[in-house]
Amino acid sequence: MSTTAPGATPRHYLMCRPTHYTVSYEINPWMHPDRATDTALAVQQWERLRDVYLDLGHQVSFIDPIEGLPDMVYAANGATVVDGIVYSAKFRYPERGPEGPAYEKWFADRGYVTHTAEQVNEGEGDILVVGDVLLAGTGFRTSTAAHEELSRLVGHEVVGLELVDPHYYHLDTALAVLSSDPADPQIAYYPPAFSPAALEQLQHRFPDAVIAEEQDAAALGLNAVSDGGHVVVAPAATRLAAQLRERGYEPIPVPTTELLKGGGGAKCCTLEIRLAPPA
């Protein structure tokens, strides 16, 4: 198995400007409503992330933010898009509940095939596409019943991975997809975030994975976005960036420290729109 970067490919991302971003409730260990948030700084950091994607040649679409939904900036949680099929989010906590229908409507209004989820899931926060396989987190937000529902919908194998550390409450906080090339899928992950059974799956399927250290994971360094060649990563995840360079990837540090107060980084702000493959 290769351990070098396969090369960048154009992507289509959906993002939501953090116009109404704040931390007004607490649904994960990163959130502290008594700590001040700077919405203007969050917007500035988000704009930098958007500009990096555009500079890399990716297409970026935007969903309008809705007042009263401060976490809507975390677009990855809004849905999962596989082969052009949109599987809507159904959030665990009522504070975020309206986000699922808002994202589903955005896709439906643009002609995408949408499926309203019956089971609790939090979109790409817990569902990551790696080649022909979907890695699906559970333990805090997304139910195993959602894994089964998604597998029936898209016809891909869904591999359930139990998360055990509440700081890594979504799969995309503990695992980054570096390459989705079916011939050579590559990931990075933080082992202590996973149950023994999940670790066994990861070690079996990805024996050459990049293993992140505690310092990088704690900076949400694994909440990264890769186009197969470039990896947008938290600036504080310095060791992870070095490991990525050794594999032939180009790490691009983009600060998202203000958005980290809500428990998210670059990947949380980025929902990938994957179209159906050519017939």
Protein backbone atom coordinates (compact mmCIF):
# COMPACT_ATOMS: atom_id res chain seq x y z
CA MET A 1 0.00 0.00 0.00
CA SER A 2 1.26 3.45 -0.94
CA THR A 3 1.92 5.99 1.79
CA THR A 4 2.34 9.01 -0.49
CA ALA A 5 -0.20 11.65 -1.41
CA PRO A 6 -2.09 10.75 -4.60
CA GLY A 7 -2.57 14.36 -5.73
CA ALA A 8 -5.19 17.06 -5.41
CA THR A 9 -8.55 16.86 -7.19
CA PRO A 10 -11.21 19.58 -7.50
CA ARG A 11 -13.92 19.54 -4.83
CA HIS A 12 -17.29 21.18 -4.28
CA TYR A 13 -17.90 22.45 -0.75
CA LEU A 14 -20.91 23.94 1.01
CA MET A 15 -20.28 26.52 3.74
CA CYS A 16 -22.31 28.79 6.02
CA ARG A 17 -21.06 32.22 7.12
CA PRO A 18 -20.98 32.48 10.96
CA THR A 19 -23.10 35.63 10.98
CA HIS A 20 -24.97 34.52 14.10
CA TYR A 21 -22.17 32.51 15.69
CA THR A 22 -21.87 32.50 19.46
CA VAL A 23 -21.71 29.92 22.24
CA SER A 24 -25.04 30.25 24.03
CA TYR A 25 -25.51 26.64 25.17
CA GLU A 26 -23.34 23.67 26.05
CA ILE A 27 -23.62 20.37 24.19
CA ASN A 28 -19.97 19.33 24.03
CA PRO A 29 -16.93 19.76 26.30
CA TRP A 30 -15.48 22.54 24.15
CA MET A 31 -18.47 24.84 24.70
CA HIS A 32 -18.50 27.28 27.63
CA PRO A 33 -21.28 29.89 27.40
CA ASP A 34 -19.62 31.98 30.11
CA ARG A 35 -16.57 32.53 27.88
CA ALA A 36 -16.85 35.46 25.48
CA THR A 37 -16.99 34.79 21.75
CA ASP A 38 -15.94 37.20 19.03
CA THR A 39 -18.32 36.85 16.09
CA ALA A 40 -16.32 39.26 13.94
CA LEU A 41 -13.17 37.17 14.44
CA ALA A 42 -15.11 33.99 13.65
CA VAL A 43 -16.27 35.56 10.38
CA GLN A 44 -12.71 36.66 9.58
CA GLN A 45 -11.34 33.16 10.15
CA TRP A 46 -14.19 31.61 8.15
CA GLU A 47 -13.50 33.97 5.25
CA ARG A 48 -9.85 32.95 5.29
CA LEU A 49 -10.89 29.30 5.10
CA ARG A 50 -13.25 30.04 2.21
CA ASP A 51 -10.55 31.96 0.37
CA VAL A 52 -8.08 29.09 0.74
CA TYR A 53 -10.56 26.74 -0.93
CA LEU A 54 -11.14 29.20 -3.76
CA ASP A 55 -7.41 29.77 -4.21
CA LEU A 56 -6.93 26.01 -4.50
CA GLY A 57 -9.47 25.93 -7.33
CA HIS A 58 -12.35 24.35 -5.48
CA GLN A 59 -15.99 25.30 -5.96
CA VAL A 60 -17.66 26.76 -2.88
CA SER A 61 -21.42 27.20 -2.45
CA PHE A 62 -23.12 28.96 0.42
CA ILE A 63 -26.22 28.41 2.52
CA ASP A 64 -27.74 31.45 4.20
CA PRO A 65 -27.27 31.52 7.98
CA ILE A 66 -30.43 31.54 10.09
CA GLU A 67 -30.75 33.69 13.18
CA GLY A 68 -31.06 31.59 16.32
CA LEU A 69 -28.94 28.76 14.90
CA PRO A 70 -25.40 29.73 16.02
CA ASP A 71 -23.92 26.33 15.13
CA MET A 72 -25.13 26.42 11.53
CA VAL A 73 -21.59 27.45 10.55
CA TYR A 74 -20.62 23.82 11.12
CA ALA A 75 -21.90 22.84 7.69
CA ALA A 76 -20.41 19.35 7.78
CA ASN A 77 -23.06 18.36 10.30
CA GLY A 78 -25.92 19.38 8.01
CA ALA A 79 -26.02 16.32 5.73
CA THR A 80 -24.02 13.58 4.06
CA VAL A 81 -23.75 13.62 0.26
CA VAL A 82 -22.70 10.37 -1.40
CA ASP A 83 -22.99 9.77 -5.16
CA GLY A 84 -25.28 12.78 -5.43
CA ILE A 85 -27.70 11.43 -2.80
CA VAL A 86 -28.31 13.73 0.17
CA TYR A 87 -28.92 12.01 3.51
CA SER A 88 -30.25 14.65 5.85
CA ALA A 89 -29.06 15.22 9.40
CA LYS A 90 -31.30 14.52 12.37
CA PHE A 91 -29.63 16.13 15.36
CA ARG A 92 -29.28 14.62 18.81
CA TYR A 93 -29.85 17.91 20.63
CA PRO A 94 -32.94 20.09 20.09
CA GLU A 95 -30.81 23.25 19.98
CA ARG A 96 -29.54 22.14 16.57
CA GLY A 97 -32.66 20.36 15.35
CA PRO A 98 -33.79 22.99 12.78
CA GLU A 99 -30.45 22.82 10.97
CA GLY A 100 -31.24 19.44 9.39
CA PRO A 101 -34.35 20.63 7.50
CA ALA A 102 -32.62 23.88 6.53
CA TYR A 103 -29.75 22.06 4.86
CA GLU A 104 -32.07 19.50 3.27
CA LYS A 105 -34.17 22.32 1.78
CA TRP A 106 -31.04 23.95 0.34
CA PHE A 107 -30.24 20.76 -1.54
CA ALA A 108 -33.84 20.05 -2.58
CA ASP A 109 -34.24 23.58 -3.94
CA ARG A 110 -31.27 22.92 -6.21
CA GLY A 111 -32.55 19.63 -7.58
CA TYR A 112 -30.58 17.17 -5.50
CA VAL A 113 -32.12 13.84 -4.51
CA THR A 114 -32.72 14.14 -0.78
CA HIS A 115 -33.65 11.57 1.83
CA THR A 116 -35.07 12.70 5.17
CA ALA A 117 -33.34 10.65 7.84
CA GLU A 118 -35.47 8.67 10.26
CA GLN A 119 -32.52 7.91 12.52
CA VAL A 120 -30.39 10.28 14.58
CA ASN A 121 -27.25 11.30 12.71
CA GLU A 122 -25.12 14.40 12.45
CA GLY A 123 -24.05 14.32 8.84
CA GLU A 124 -20.41 14.38 7.87
CA GLY A 125 -19.54 15.09 11.46
CA ASP A 126 -19.86 11.34 11.97
CA ILE A 127 -19.92 9.96 8.42
CA LEU A 128 -16.73 10.10 6.37
CA VAL A 129 -16.23 8.77 2.85
CA VAL A 130 -13.02 6.80 2.35
CA GLY A 131 -12.90 5.27 -1.10
CA ASP A 132 -15.88 2.95 -1.50
CA VAL A 133 -16.42 2.67 2.26
CA LEU A 134 -18.17 4.98 4.71
CA LEU A 135 -16.65 5.26 8.16
CA ALA A 136 -19.40 6.11 10.64
CA GLY A 137 -18.95 7.29 14.21
CA THR A 138 -21.26 6.44 17.07
CA GLY A 139 -21.22 6.73 20.83
CA PHE A 140 -22.21 10.36 21.32
CA ARG A 141 -24.25 11.78 18.45
CA THR A 142 -25.04 9.35 15.62
CA SER A 143 -26.96 6.11 16.21
CA THR A 144 -25.95 2.75 14.80
CA ALA A 145 -29.46 2.56 13.31
CA ALA A 146 -28.46 5.55 11.15
CA HIS A 147 -25.49 3.56 9.87
CA GLU A 148 -27.87 0.86 8.69
CA GLU A 149 -30.27 3.37 7.18
CA LEU A 150 -27.46 5.06 5.26
CA SER A 151 -26.05 1.78 3.97
CA ARG A 152 -29.44 0.81 2.56
CA LEU A 153 -29.81 4.22 0.96
CA VAL A 154 -26.46 4.56 -0.82
CA GLY A 155 -25.44 0.92 -1.24
CA HIS A 156 -21.96 1.33 0.25
CA GLU A 157 -20.42 -0.56 3.13
CA VAL A 158 -20.73 1.41 6.35
CA VAL A 159 -18.15 0.64 9.04
CA GLY A 160 -19.26 1.63 12.53
CA LEU A 161 -16.62 3.11 14.82
CA GLU A 162 -17.39 3.74 18.48
CA LEU A 163 -16.03 6.95 20.01
CA VAL A 164 -15.28 6.87 23.74
CA ASP A 165 -13.85 10.31 24.63
CA PRO A 166 -16.49 13.10 24.79
CA HIS A 167 -13.93 15.66 23.60
CA TYR A 168 -13.98 13.74 20.31
CA TYR A 169 -17.75 13.58 20.07
CA HIS A 170 -17.85 13.46 16.27
CA LEU A 171 -15.77 11.18 14.08
CA ASP A 172 -14.35 14.15 12.19
CA THR A 173 -12.71 15.40 15.38
CA ALA A 174 -10.73 12.16 15.79
CA LEU A 175 -10.14 11.03 12.20
CA ALA A 176 -9.23 12.83 8.98
CA VAL A 177 -9.62 11.43 5.49
CA LEU A 178 -6.47 12.23 3.55
CA SER A 179 -7.29 10.37 0.33
CA SER A 180 -10.58 8.86 -0.83
CA ASP A 181 -8.96 7.12 -3.78
CA PRO A 182 -10.56 3.63 -3.71
CA ALA A 183 -7.26 2.13 -4.85
CA ASP A 184 -5.30 3.75 -2.03
CA PRO A 185 -7.45 5.25 0.73
CA GLN A 186 -5.49 7.07 3.43
CA ILE A 187 -6.48 8.44 6.83
CA ALA A 188 -5.05 9.96 10.01
CA TYR A 189 -6.55 9.28 13.44
CA TYR A 190 -6.09 9.55 17.19
CA PRO A 191 -6.28 6.06 18.77
CA PRO A 192 -7.42 7.02 22.34
CA ALA A 193 -10.65 8.45 20.92
CA PHE A 194 -11.84 4.99 19.86
CA SER A 195 -13.07 1.83 21.53
CA PRO A 196 -10.90 -1.32 21.26
CA ALA A 197 -13.24 -2.78 18.63
CA ALA A 198 -13.09 0.40 16.55
CA LEU A 199 -9.30 0.47 16.81
CA GLU A 200 -9.13 -3.10 15.57
CA GLN A 201 -11.15 -2.09 12.50
CA LEU A 202 -8.95 0.91 11.78
CA GLN A 203 -5.70 -0.99 12.24
CA HIS A 204 -6.93 -3.76 9.96
CA ARG A 205 -8.24 -1.51 7.21
CA PHE A 206 -5.59 1.23 7.37
CA PRO A 207 -2.32 -0.31 8.61
CA ASP A 208 -0.31 2.62 7.22
CA ALA A 209 -2.48 5.38 8.66
CA VAL A 210 -0.98 8.52 10.12
CA ILE A 211 -1.23 8.27 13.91
CA ALA A 212 -1.84 11.63 15.57
CA GLU A 213 -0.41 12.56 18.94
CA GLU A 214 -2.37 14.00 21.87
CA GLN A 215 -1.20 17.59 21.37
CA ASP A 216 -2.35 17.65 17.76
CA ALA A 217 -5.65 15.94 18.50
CA ALA A 218 -6.36 18.36 21.36
CA ALA A 219 -5.96 21.26 18.91
CA LEU A 220 -8.58 19.55 16.70
CA GLY A 221 -5.83 19.00 14.19
CA LEU A 222 -7.70 16.03 12.80
CA ASN A 223 -10.67 18.24 11.95
CA ALA A 224 -8.85 18.76 8.67
CA VAL A 225 -9.89 19.00 5.02
CA SER A 226 -7.90 17.22 2.32
CA ASP A 227 -8.33 17.41 -1.43
CA GLY A 228 -5.88 14.55 -1.89
CA GLY A 229 -2.85 16.80 -2.10
CA HIS A 230 -3.39 19.78 0.17
CA VAL A 231 -4.56 19.43 3.75
CA VAL A 232 -6.11 22.40 5.55
CA VAL A 233 -5.11 21.91 9.17
CA ALA A 234 -5.10 23.76 12.49
CA PRO A 235 -1.84 25.74 12.87
CA ALA A 236 -1.24 24.28 16.35
CA ALA A 237 -1.11 20.73 14.96
CA THR A 238 2.57 21.03 14.10
CA ARG A 239 3.57 17.39 14.50
CA LEU A 240 0.65 16.25 12.38
CA ALA A 241 1.64 18.75 9.69
CA ALA A 242 5.16 17.31 9.69
CA GLN A 243 3.79 13.79 9.32
CA LEU A 244 1.64 14.91 6.40
CA ARG A 245 4.67 16.45 4.67
CA GLU A 246 6.53 13.18 5.08
CA ARG A 247 3.68 11.48 3.18
CA GLY A 248 3.82 14.01 0.36
CA TYR A 249 0.85 16.16 1.36
CA GLU A 250 1.03 19.94 1.56
CA PRO A 251 -0.37 21.11 4.91
CA ILE A 252 -2.01 24.54 4.82
CA PRO A 253 -2.42 26.03 8.33
CA VAL A 254 -5.65 27.99 8.68
CA PRO A 255 -6.60 29.34 12.12
CA THR A 256 -10.11 28.56 13.36
CA THR A 257 -9.50 29.26 17.04
CA GLU A 258 -12.71 31.25 17.53
CA LEU A 259 -14.81 28.51 15.97
CA LEU A 260 -13.01 26.00 18.19
CA LYS A 261 -14.92 27.50 21.12
CA GLY A 262 -17.99 25.76 19.70
CA GLY A 263 -16.10 22.51 19.18
CA GLY A 264 -15.31 22.78 15.49
CA GLY A 265 -12.52 23.49 13.04
CA ALA A 266 -12.00 23.53 9.27
CA LYS A 267 -13.75 20.23 8.57
CA CYS A 268 -16.75 21.09 10.71
CA CYS A 269 -17.22 24.20 8.55
CA THR A 270 -17.02 22.24 5.29
CA LEU A 271 -19.60 19.89 3.77
CA GLU A 272 -18.39 18.13 0.63
CA ILE A 273 -20.88 17.69 -2.18
CA ARG A 274 -20.07 14.44 -3.97
CA LEU A 275 -21.84 13.91 -7.28
CA ALA A 276 -22.78 10.56 -8.73
CA PRO A 277 -19.97 8.93 -10.72
CA PRO A 278 -20.33 8.92 -14.53
CA ALA A 279 -22.39 6.04 -15.91
